[in-house]
Amino acid sequence: MNGGAPPPVPSVAAEGRGDEAPLLEVDAIEVAYGDVEVLHGVSLTVREGEIVTLLGSNGAGKTTTLRAISGLRPPRRGDVRFRGRSLGGVPASSRADLGIALVPEGRELWGGLTVGENLELGAYGRRSRRGAAKNLERVFALFPRLAERRRERAGNLSGGERRMLAIGLTLLLAPKLLLLDEPSSDLAPAMVDQVFAAIREIHRTRDIPILLVEQNVDKALDLADRVCVLVRGREALDAPANEIDPARLHALFLEGGVRTS
């Protein structure tokens, strides 16, 4: 094998769902930072109603994949298609207008403003202006802690509360596809449970397709319909979540990579 990396495994994403066209298609993308190529022909799909979890060890290219989809780091080769439309040349702001919403790890908030003021500003976007009051109510129902602290400055929130606010701000954009990057990172176990319960509720009540990057393998597998695994910037596995052995994944991560055989 070239460079010790396993060859890509043919995707099973299209199997078992008839002829339904994917909402999102990532087709053999290559992404580089300067002269360093990070993604080497990665492909994946997300269909309506799905939660797809993207797994891999540190440095596998998971966050770069989300950045490529959202337009923050466009691929130099390959294509990203949303509802059958190529997003080549479409800037990140226009992708957000189409309904592709990214919650990055460590999203910056307006720390000097209150929780309520942050959400009011977030509700002012073009896509979210219509029905803003109703969407705010839904965010507070999803995260009662934010309702309790709506007059508190965002800079005074705990890490978990900031994560809730970041997700809430993104939901105000009325997304058609939600990209979540490490939502449980650096959170206490109790807060991790709350965040994952909220993600499940978002999917259940709004039926928003989700592409989730997550290091908490057990939580991710429990939530996902399908799992994609990256190894050193290459697609190594794409399979239904109920066919993945969590113990095997854990062991492979500890070895510093994931193999398919």
C-alpha atoms as a PDB file:
ATOM      1  CA  MET A   1       0.000   0.000   0.000  1.00  0.00           C
ATOM      2  CA  ASN A   2       1.265   3.424  -0.917  1.00  0.00           C
ATOM      3  CA  GLY A   3       2.625   5.298   2.114  1.00  0.00           C
ATOM      4  CA  GLY A   4       1.089   2.745   4.461  1.00  0.00           C
ATOM      5  CA  ALA A   5      -2.429   4.119   3.931  1.00  0.00           C
ATOM      6  CA  PRO A   6      -5.243   1.626   3.329  1.00  0.00           C
ATOM      7  CA  PRO A   7      -7.037   1.796  -0.010  1.00  0.00           C
ATOM      8  CA  PRO A   8     -10.499   3.360  -0.040  1.00  0.00           C
ATOM      9  CA  VAL A   9     -13.356   0.971   0.522  1.00  0.00           C
ATOM     10  CA  PRO A  10     -16.240   1.277  -1.938  1.00  0.00           C
ATOM     11  CA  SER A  11     -19.050   3.246  -0.334  1.00  0.00           C
ATOM     12  CA  VAL A  12     -22.235   1.448   0.619  1.00  0.00           C
ATOM     13  CA  ALA A  13     -24.031   4.773   1.101  1.00  0.00           C
ATOM     14  CA  ALA A  14     -26.282   4.273  -1.902  1.00  0.00           C
ATOM     15  CA  GLU A  15     -27.339   0.759  -0.935  1.00  0.00           C
ATOM     16  CA  GLY A  16     -30.631   0.115   0.771  1.00  0.00           C
ATOM     17  CA  ARG A  17     -32.217   3.485  -0.031  1.00  0.00           C
ATOM     18  CA  GLY A  18     -33.500   2.890  -3.538  1.00  0.00           C
ATOM     19  CA  ASP A  19     -32.873   5.600  -6.076  1.00  0.00           C
ATOM     20  CA  GLU A  20     -33.152   8.471  -3.596  1.00  0.00           C
ATOM     21  CA  ALA A  21     -30.681  11.194  -4.555  1.00  0.00           C
ATOM     22  CA  PRO A  22     -28.367  12.304  -1.741  1.00  0.00           C
ATOM     23  CA  LEU A  23     -28.857  15.729  -0.215  1.00  0.00           C
ATOM     24  CA  LEU A  24     -25.073  16.119  -0.002  1.00  0.00           C
ATOM     25  CA  GLU A  25     -22.491  14.447  -2.222  1.00  0.00           C
ATOM     26  CA  VAL A  26     -18.769  14.786  -1.551  1.00  0.00           C
ATOM     27  CA  ASP A  27     -17.074  13.368  -4.613  1.00  0.00           C
ATOM     28  CA  ALA A  28     -13.365  12.466  -4.494  1.00  0.00           C
ATOM     29  CA  ILE A  29     -12.247  15.774  -3.007  1.00  0.00           C
ATOM     30  CA  GLU A  30      -8.612  16.699  -2.502  1.00  0.00           C
ATOM     31  CA  VAL A  31      -7.869  19.501  -0.065  1.00  0.00           C
ATOM     32  CA  ALA A  32      -4.497  21.030   0.791  1.00  0.00           C
ATOM     33  CA  TYR A  33      -3.075  23.627   3.140  1.00  0.00           C
ATOM     34  CA  GLY A  34      -0.320  25.137   1.063  1.00  0.00           C
ATOM     35  CA  ASP A  35       1.763  22.266  -0.287  1.00  0.00           C
ATOM     36  CA  VAL A  36       0.455  19.783   2.287  1.00  0.00           C
ATOM     37  CA  GLU A  37      -2.415  17.674   0.986  1.00  0.00           C
ATOM     38  CA  VAL A  38      -4.777  16.706   3.794  1.00  0.00           C
ATOM     39  CA  LEU A  39      -7.617  14.960   1.957  1.00  0.00           C
ATOM     40  CA  HIS A  40      -6.836  12.461  -0.789  1.00  0.00           C
ATOM     41  CA  GLY A  41      -9.968  11.736  -2.808  1.00  0.00           C
ATOM     42  CA  VAL A  42     -12.524  11.589   0.020  1.00  0.00           C
ATOM     43  CA  SER A  43     -16.128  10.747  -0.890  1.00  0.00           C
ATOM     44  CA  LEU A  44     -19.245  10.569   1.280  1.00  0.00           C
ATOM     45  CA  THR A  45     -22.971  11.227   1.088  1.00  0.00           C
ATOM     46  CA  VAL A  46     -25.715  12.448   3.414  1.00  0.00           C
ATOM     47  CA  ARG A  47     -29.352  11.759   2.590  1.00  0.00           C
ATOM     48  CA  GLU A  48     -32.523  13.385   3.847  1.00  0.00           C
ATOM     49  CA  GLY A  49     -33.338  12.185   7.337  1.00  0.00           C
ATOM     50  CA  GLU A  50     -29.868  10.792   8.049  1.00  0.00           C
ATOM     51  CA  ILE A  51     -27.335  11.333  10.783  1.00  0.00           C
ATOM     52  CA  VAL A  52     -23.909  10.451   9.401  1.00  0.00           C
ATOM     53  CA  THR A  53     -20.958  10.351  11.777  1.00  0.00           C
ATOM     54  CA  LEU A  54     -17.455  11.015  10.475  1.00  0.00           C
ATOM     55  CA  LEU A  55     -14.836   9.250  12.602  1.00  0.00           C
ATOM     56  CA  GLY A  56     -11.066   9.059  12.547  1.00  0.00           C
ATOM     57  CA  SER A  57      -8.021   9.631  14.693  1.00  0.00           C
ATOM     58  CA  ASN A  58      -6.566  13.105  15.234  1.00  0.00           C
ATOM     59  CA  GLY A  59      -5.272  14.545  11.977  1.00  0.00           C
ATOM     60  CA  ALA A  60      -7.347  12.197   9.803  1.00  0.00           C
ATOM     61  CA  GLY A  61      -8.975  15.124   7.986  1.00  0.00           C
ATOM     62  CA  LYS A  62     -12.407  15.241   9.600  1.00  0.00           C
ATOM     63  CA  THR A  63     -12.548  18.973  10.294  1.00  0.00           C
ATOM     64  CA  THR A  64     -11.022  19.713   6.896  1.00  0.00           C
ATOM     65  CA  THR A  65     -13.874  17.733   5.312  1.00  0.00           C
ATOM     66  CA  LEU A  66     -16.444  19.927   7.064  1.00  0.00           C
ATOM     67  CA  ARG A  67     -14.548  23.042   6.035  1.00  0.00           C
ATOM     68  CA  ALA A  68     -14.537  21.873   2.425  1.00  0.00           C
ATOM     69  CA  ILE A  69     -18.295  21.277   2.494  1.00  0.00           C
ATOM     70  CA  SER A  70     -19.047  24.652   4.088  1.00  0.00           C
ATOM     71  CA  GLY A  71     -16.766  26.519   1.673  1.00  0.00           C
ATOM     72  CA  LEU A  72     -14.109  27.593   4.156  1.00  0.00           C
ATOM     73  CA  ARG A  73     -11.460  25.413   2.452  1.00  0.00           C
ATOM     74  CA  PRO A  74     -12.608  24.623  -1.105  1.00  0.00           C
ATOM     75  CA  PRO A  75     -11.161  21.452  -2.640  1.00  0.00           C
ATOM     76  CA  ARG A  76      -8.575  21.779  -5.364  1.00  0.00           C
ATOM     77  CA  ARG A  77      -9.924  18.643  -7.031  1.00  0.00           C
ATOM     78  CA  GLY A  78     -13.209  16.774  -6.819  1.00  0.00           C
ATOM     79  CA  ASP A  79     -16.630  18.260  -6.191  1.00  0.00           C
ATOM     80  CA  VAL A  80     -19.163  18.985  -3.462  1.00  0.00           C
ATOM     81  CA  ARG A  81     -22.806  18.874  -4.560  1.00  0.00           C
ATOM     82  CA  PHE A  82     -25.851  19.996  -2.588  1.00  0.00           C
ATOM     83  CA  ARG A  83     -29.252  18.898  -3.865  1.00  0.00           C
ATOM     84  CA  GLY A  84     -27.552  17.915  -7.093  1.00  0.00           C
ATOM     85  CA  ARG A  85     -25.942  21.328  -7.606  1.00  0.00           C
ATOM     86  CA  SER A  86     -22.170  21.656  -7.753  1.00  0.00           C
ATOM     87  CA  LEU A  87     -20.851  24.100  -5.174  1.00  0.00           C
ATOM     88  CA  GLY A  88     -17.629  24.733  -7.070  1.00  0.00           C
ATOM     89  CA  GLY A  89     -16.945  28.465  -6.893  1.00  0.00           C
ATOM     90  CA  VAL A  90     -19.798  29.069  -4.421  1.00  0.00           C
ATOM     91  CA  PRO A  91     -18.464  31.058  -1.413  1.00  0.00           C
ATOM     92  CA  ALA A  92     -19.124  30.048   2.177  1.00  0.00           C
ATOM     93  CA  SER A  93     -21.690  32.825   2.729  1.00  0.00           C
ATOM     94  CA  SER A  94     -23.755  31.643  -0.234  1.00  0.00           C
ATOM     95  CA  ARG A  95     -23.563  28.034   0.957  1.00  0.00           C
ATOM     96  CA  ALA A  96     -24.997  29.198   4.275  1.00  0.00           C
ATOM     97  CA  ASP A  97     -27.832  30.866   2.364  1.00  0.00           C
ATOM     98  CA  LEU A  98     -28.525  27.508   0.699  1.00  0.00           C
ATOM     99  CA  GLY A  99     -28.967  25.975   4.163  1.00  0.00           C
ATOM    100  CA  ILE A 100     -25.558  24.430   4.876  1.00  0.00           C
ATOM    101  CA  ALA A 101     -24.802  25.374   8.490  1.00  0.00           C
ATOM    102  CA  LEU A 102     -21.533  24.615  10.281  1.00  0.00           C
ATOM    103  CA  VAL A 103     -21.064  24.636  14.050  1.00  0.00           C
ATOM    104  CA  PRO A 104     -17.258  24.635  14.337  1.00  0.00           C
ATOM    105  CA  GLU A 105     -15.429  23.485  17.432  1.00  0.00           C
ATOM    106  CA  GLY A 106     -14.853  26.542  19.614  1.00  0.00           C
ATOM    107  CA  ARG A 107     -17.206  28.829  17.695  1.00  0.00           C
ATOM    108  CA  GLU A 108     -16.678  32.450  18.695  1.00  0.00           C
ATOM    109  CA  LEU A 109     -19.557  34.262  20.382  1.00  0.00           C
ATOM    110  CA  TRP A 110     -20.168  37.925  21.166  1.00  0.00           C
ATOM    111  CA  GLY A 111     -18.772  37.620  24.680  1.00  0.00           C
ATOM    112  CA  GLY A 112     -19.705  41.140  25.783  1.00  0.00           C
ATOM    113  CA  LEU A 113     -23.355  40.663  24.825  1.00  0.00           C
ATOM    114  CA  THR A 114     -25.955  38.685  26.694  1.00  0.00           C
ATOM    115  CA  VAL A 115     -27.228  35.281  25.622  1.00  0.00           C
ATOM    116  CA  GLY A 116     -30.459  36.917  24.465  1.00  0.00           C
ATOM    117  CA  GLU A 117     -28.599  39.575  22.489  1.00  0.00           C
ATOM    118  CA  ASN A 118     -26.438  36.933  20.806  1.00  0.00           C
ATOM    119  CA  LEU A 119     -29.545  35.067  19.726  1.00  0.00           C
ATOM    120  CA  GLU A 120     -31.303  38.228  18.563  1.00  0.00           C
ATOM    121  CA  LEU A 121     -28.328  39.062  16.351  1.00  0.00           C
ATOM    122  CA  GLY A 122     -28.228  35.492  15.076  1.00  0.00           C
ATOM    123  CA  ALA A 123     -31.913  35.692  14.167  1.00  0.00           C
ATOM    124  CA  TYR A 124     -31.305  38.739  11.981  1.00  0.00           C
ATOM    125  CA  GLY A 125     -29.816  36.833   9.035  1.00  0.00           C
ATOM    126  CA  ARG A 126     -31.687  36.764   5.730  1.00  0.00           C
ATOM    127  CA  ARG A 127     -32.648  33.086   6.005  1.00  0.00           C
ATOM    128  CA  SER A 128     -33.644  33.292   9.650  1.00  0.00           C
ATOM    129  CA  ARG A 129     -35.496  36.636   9.773  1.00  0.00           C
ATOM    130  CA  ARG A 130     -38.801  35.022   8.827  1.00  0.00           C
ATOM    131  CA  GLY A 131     -40.170  33.198  11.833  1.00  0.00           C
ATOM    132  CA  ALA A 132     -37.387  34.501  14.094  1.00  0.00           C
ATOM    133  CA  ALA A 133     -39.583  34.703  17.200  1.00  0.00           C
ATOM    134  CA  LYS A 134     -40.776  31.121  16.772  1.00  0.00           C
ATOM    135  CA  ASN A 135     -37.225  29.881  16.183  1.00  0.00           C
ATOM    136  CA  LEU A 136     -36.039  31.654  19.342  1.00  0.00           C
ATOM    137  CA  GLU A 137     -38.766  29.911  21.319  1.00  0.00           C
ATOM    138  CA  ARG A 138     -37.640  26.561  19.890  1.00  0.00           C
ATOM    139  CA  VAL A 139     -34.027  27.225  20.883  1.00  0.00           C
ATOM    140  CA  PHE A 140     -35.051  28.061  24.442  1.00  0.00           C
ATOM    141  CA  ALA A 141     -37.252  24.954  24.581  1.00  0.00           C
ATOM    142  CA  LEU A 142     -34.332  22.837  23.379  1.00  0.00           C
ATOM    143  CA  PHE A 143     -31.871  24.484  25.779  1.00  0.00           C
ATOM    144  CA  PRO A 144     -33.759  25.653  28.907  1.00  0.00           C
ATOM    145  CA  ARG A 145     -30.427  26.642  30.453  1.00  0.00           C
ATOM    146  CA  LEU A 146     -30.061  29.361  27.808  1.00  0.00           C
ATOM    147  CA  ALA A 147     -33.508  30.684  28.680  1.00  0.00           C
ATOM    148  CA  GLU A 148     -32.469  30.830  32.337  1.00  0.00           C
ATOM    149  CA  ARG A 149     -29.284  32.732  31.444  1.00  0.00           C
ATOM    150  CA  ARG A 150     -30.610  34.901  28.636  1.00  0.00           C
ATOM    151  CA  ARG A 151     -29.556  38.085  30.493  1.00  0.00           C
ATOM    152  CA  GLU A 152     -26.088  36.721  31.336  1.00  0.00           C
ATOM    153  CA  ARG A 153     -23.105  37.796  29.239  1.00  0.00           C
ATOM    154  CA  ALA A 154     -22.018  35.080  26.858  1.00  0.00           C
ATOM    155  CA  GLY A 155     -18.428  35.499  28.037  1.00  0.00           C
ATOM    156  CA  ASN A 156     -19.467  34.286  31.495  1.00  0.00           C
ATOM    157  CA  LEU A 157     -21.006  31.024  30.313  1.00  0.00           C
ATOM    158  CA  SER A 158     -19.526  27.618  31.007  1.00  0.00           C
ATOM    159  CA  GLY A 159     -18.056  25.576  28.164  1.00  0.00           C
ATOM    160  CA  GLY A 160     -21.210  23.503  27.839  1.00  0.00           C
ATOM    161  CA  GLU A 161     -23.441  26.563  27.868  1.00  0.00           C
ATOM    162  CA  ARG A 162     -21.313  28.166  25.147  1.00  0.00           C
ATOM    163  CA  ARG A 163     -21.696  24.998  23.059  1.00  0.00           C
ATOM    164  CA  MET A 164     -25.457  25.154  23.514  1.00  0.00           C
ATOM    165  CA  LEU A 165     -25.481  28.789  22.449  1.00  0.00           C
ATOM    166  CA  ALA A 166     -23.347  28.041  19.383  1.00  0.00           C
ATOM    167  CA  ILE A 167     -25.754  25.302  18.297  1.00  0.00           C
ATOM    168  CA  GLY A 168     -28.734  27.544  19.050  1.00  0.00           C
ATOM    169  CA  LEU A 169     -27.321  30.339  16.915  1.00  0.00           C
ATOM    170  CA  THR A 170     -26.874  27.945  14.021  1.00  0.00           C
ATOM    171  CA  LEU A 171     -30.435  26.632  14.338  1.00  0.00           C
ATOM    172  CA  LEU A 172     -31.695  30.184  13.896  1.00  0.00           C
ATOM    173  CA  LEU A 173     -30.384  29.980  10.325  1.00  0.00           C
ATOM    174  CA  ALA A 174     -33.088  27.360   9.619  1.00  0.00           C
ATOM    175  CA  PRO A 175     -30.511  24.920   8.217  1.00  0.00           C
ATOM    176  CA  LYS A 176     -31.235  22.229   5.651  1.00  0.00           C
ATOM    177  CA  LEU A 177     -28.007  20.413   6.591  1.00  0.00           C
ATOM    178  CA  LEU A 178     -26.265  20.695   9.954  1.00  0.00           C
ATOM    179  CA  LEU A 179     -22.501  20.149  10.197  1.00  0.00           C
ATOM    180  CA  LEU A 180     -21.312  19.607  13.782  1.00  0.00           C
ATOM    181  CA  ASP A 181     -17.596  19.589  14.592  1.00  0.00           C
ATOM    182  CA  GLU A 182     -16.721  17.900  17.900  1.00  0.00           C
ATOM    183  CA  PRO A 183     -19.773  19.127  19.873  1.00  0.00           C
ATOM    184  CA  SER A 184     -18.688  17.207  22.994  1.00  0.00           C
ATOM    185  CA  SER A 185     -15.068  18.397  22.999  1.00  0.00           C
ATOM    186  CA  ASP A 186     -13.764  19.411  26.451  1.00  0.00           C
ATOM    187  CA  LEU A 187     -17.165  19.070  28.126  1.00  0.00           C
ATOM    188  CA  ALA A 188     -17.965  17.389  31.440  1.00  0.00           C
ATOM    189  CA  PRO A 189     -19.757  14.023  31.089  1.00  0.00           C
ATOM    190  CA  ALA A 190     -23.111  15.393  32.267  1.00  0.00           C
ATOM    191  CA  MET A 191     -22.921  18.207  29.733  1.00  0.00           C
ATOM    192  CA  VAL A 192     -21.940  15.753  26.987  1.00  0.00           C
ATOM    193  CA  ASP A 193     -25.159  13.849  27.694  1.00  0.00           C
ATOM    194  CA  GLN A 194     -27.184  17.065  27.442  1.00  0.00           C
ATOM    195  CA  VAL A 195     -25.583  18.091  24.156  1.00  0.00           C
ATOM    196  CA  PHE A 196     -26.145  14.685  22.552  1.00  0.00           C
ATOM    197  CA  ALA A 197     -29.726  14.604  23.808  1.00  0.00           C
ATOM    198  CA  ALA A 198     -30.224  17.986  22.149  1.00  0.00           C
ATOM    199  CA  ILE A 199     -28.748  16.737  18.864  1.00  0.00           C
ATOM    200  CA  ARG A 200     -31.109  13.764  18.936  1.00  0.00           C
ATOM    201  CA  GLU A 201     -34.038  16.073  19.646  1.00  0.00           C
ATOM    202  CA  ILE A 202     -33.062  18.431  16.811  1.00  0.00           C
ATOM    203  CA  HIS A 203     -33.073  15.517  14.414  1.00  0.00           C
ATOM    204  CA  ARG A 204     -36.289  14.033  15.780  1.00  0.00           C
ATOM    205  CA  THR A 205     -38.366  17.214  15.830  1.00  0.00           C
ATOM    206  CA  ARG A 206     -36.952  19.055  12.825  1.00  0.00           C
ATOM    207  CA  ASP A 207     -35.742  16.144  10.705  1.00  0.00           C
ATOM    208  CA  ILE A 208     -32.568  18.055   9.845  1.00  0.00           C
ATOM    209  CA  PRO A 209     -29.900  15.833   8.248  1.00  0.00           C
ATOM    210  CA  ILE A 210     -26.686  15.959  10.281  1.00  0.00           C
ATOM    211  CA  LEU A 211     -23.048  15.289   9.469  1.00  0.00           C
ATOM    212  CA  LEU A 212     -21.307  14.861  12.812  1.00  0.00           C
ATOM    213  CA  VAL A 213     -17.574  14.845  13.524  1.00  0.00           C
ATOM    214  CA  GLU A 214     -17.008  13.376  16.962  1.00  0.00           C
ATOM    215  CA  GLN A 215     -14.298  11.694  19.047  1.00  0.00           C
ATOM    216  CA  ASN A 216     -16.732  10.178  21.542  1.00  0.00           C
ATOM    217  CA  VAL A 217     -17.152   6.973  19.552  1.00  0.00           C
ATOM    218  CA  ASP A 218     -19.809   5.350  21.738  1.00  0.00           C
ATOM    219  CA  LYS A 219     -22.041   8.435  21.675  1.00  0.00           C
ATOM    220  CA  ALA A 220     -21.501   8.919  17.948  1.00  0.00           C
ATOM    221  CA  LEU A 221     -22.389   5.321  17.088  1.00  0.00           C
ATOM    222  CA  ASP A 222     -25.471   5.421  19.267  1.00  0.00           C
ATOM    223  CA  LEU A 223     -26.707   8.511  17.425  1.00  0.00           C
ATOM    224  CA  ALA A 224     -25.756   7.731  13.824  1.00  0.00           C
ATOM    225  CA  ASP A 225     -27.555   5.982  11.006  1.00  0.00           C
ATOM    226  CA  ARG A 226     -24.305   5.559   9.101  1.00  0.00           C
ATOM    227  CA  VAL A 227     -20.609   5.878   9.854  1.00  0.00           C
ATOM    228  CA  CYS A 228     -17.747   7.045   7.640  1.00  0.00           C
ATOM    229  CA  VAL A 229     -14.159   6.593   8.773  1.00  0.00           C
ATOM    230  CA  LEU A 230     -11.143   8.542   7.543  1.00  0.00           C
ATOM    231  CA  VAL A 231      -7.592   7.300   7.838  1.00  0.00           C
ATOM    232  CA  ARG A 232      -4.808   9.750   7.050  1.00  0.00           C
ATOM    233  CA  GLY A 233      -7.036  11.752   4.737  1.00  0.00           C
ATOM    234  CA  ARG A 234      -8.559   8.804   2.901  1.00  0.00           C
ATOM    235  CA  GLU A 235     -11.986   7.233   3.119  1.00  0.00           C
ATOM    236  CA  ALA A 236     -11.490   3.857   4.776  1.00  0.00           C
ATOM    237  CA  LEU A 237     -14.991   2.730   5.690  1.00  0.00           C
ATOM    238  CA  ASP A 238     -18.621   3.655   4.995  1.00  0.00           C
ATOM    239  CA  ALA A 239     -21.207   1.405   6.648  1.00  0.00           C
ATOM    240  CA  PRO A 240     -24.461   1.385   8.655  1.00  0.00           C
ATOM    241  CA  ALA A 241     -23.835   2.205  12.295  1.00  0.00           C
ATOM    242  CA  ASN A 242     -25.406  -1.029  13.498  1.00  0.00           C
ATOM    243  CA  GLU A 243     -22.752  -2.994  11.602  1.00  0.00           C
ATOM    244  CA  ILE A 244     -19.835  -1.253  13.325  1.00  0.00           C
ATOM    245  CA  ASP A 245     -18.157  -2.931  16.308  1.00  0.00           C
ATOM    246  CA  PRO A 246     -17.400  -0.155  18.835  1.00  0.00           C
ATOM    247  CA  ALA A 247     -14.734  -2.220  20.607  1.00  0.00           C
ATOM    248  CA  ARG A 248     -12.917  -2.781  17.342  1.00  0.00           C
ATOM    249  CA  LEU A 249     -13.017   0.912  16.524  1.00  0.00           C
ATOM    250  CA  HIS A 250     -11.690   1.850  19.965  1.00  0.00           C
ATOM    251  CA  ALA A 251      -8.816  -0.613  19.630  1.00  0.00           C
ATOM    252  CA  LEU A 252      -7.926   0.645  16.185  1.00  0.00           C
ATOM    253  CA  PHE A 253      -7.977   4.272  17.313  1.00  0.00           C
ATOM    254  CA  LEU A 254      -5.572   3.395  20.114  1.00  0.00           C
ATOM    255  CA  GLU A 255      -3.249   1.892  17.529  1.00  0.00           C
ATOM    256  CA  GLY A 256      -3.145   5.302  15.867  1.00  0.00           C
ATOM    257  CA  GLY A 257      -5.312   4.529  12.854  1.00  0.00           C
ATOM    258  CA  VAL A 258      -8.211   2.569  11.485  1.00  0.00           C
ATOM    259  CA  ARG A 259      -7.926  -0.384   9.151  1.00  0.00           C
ATOM    260  CA  THR A 260     -10.694  -2.081   7.213  1.00  0.00           C
ATOM    261  CA  SER A 261      -9.370  -5.624   7.503  1.00  0.00           C
END
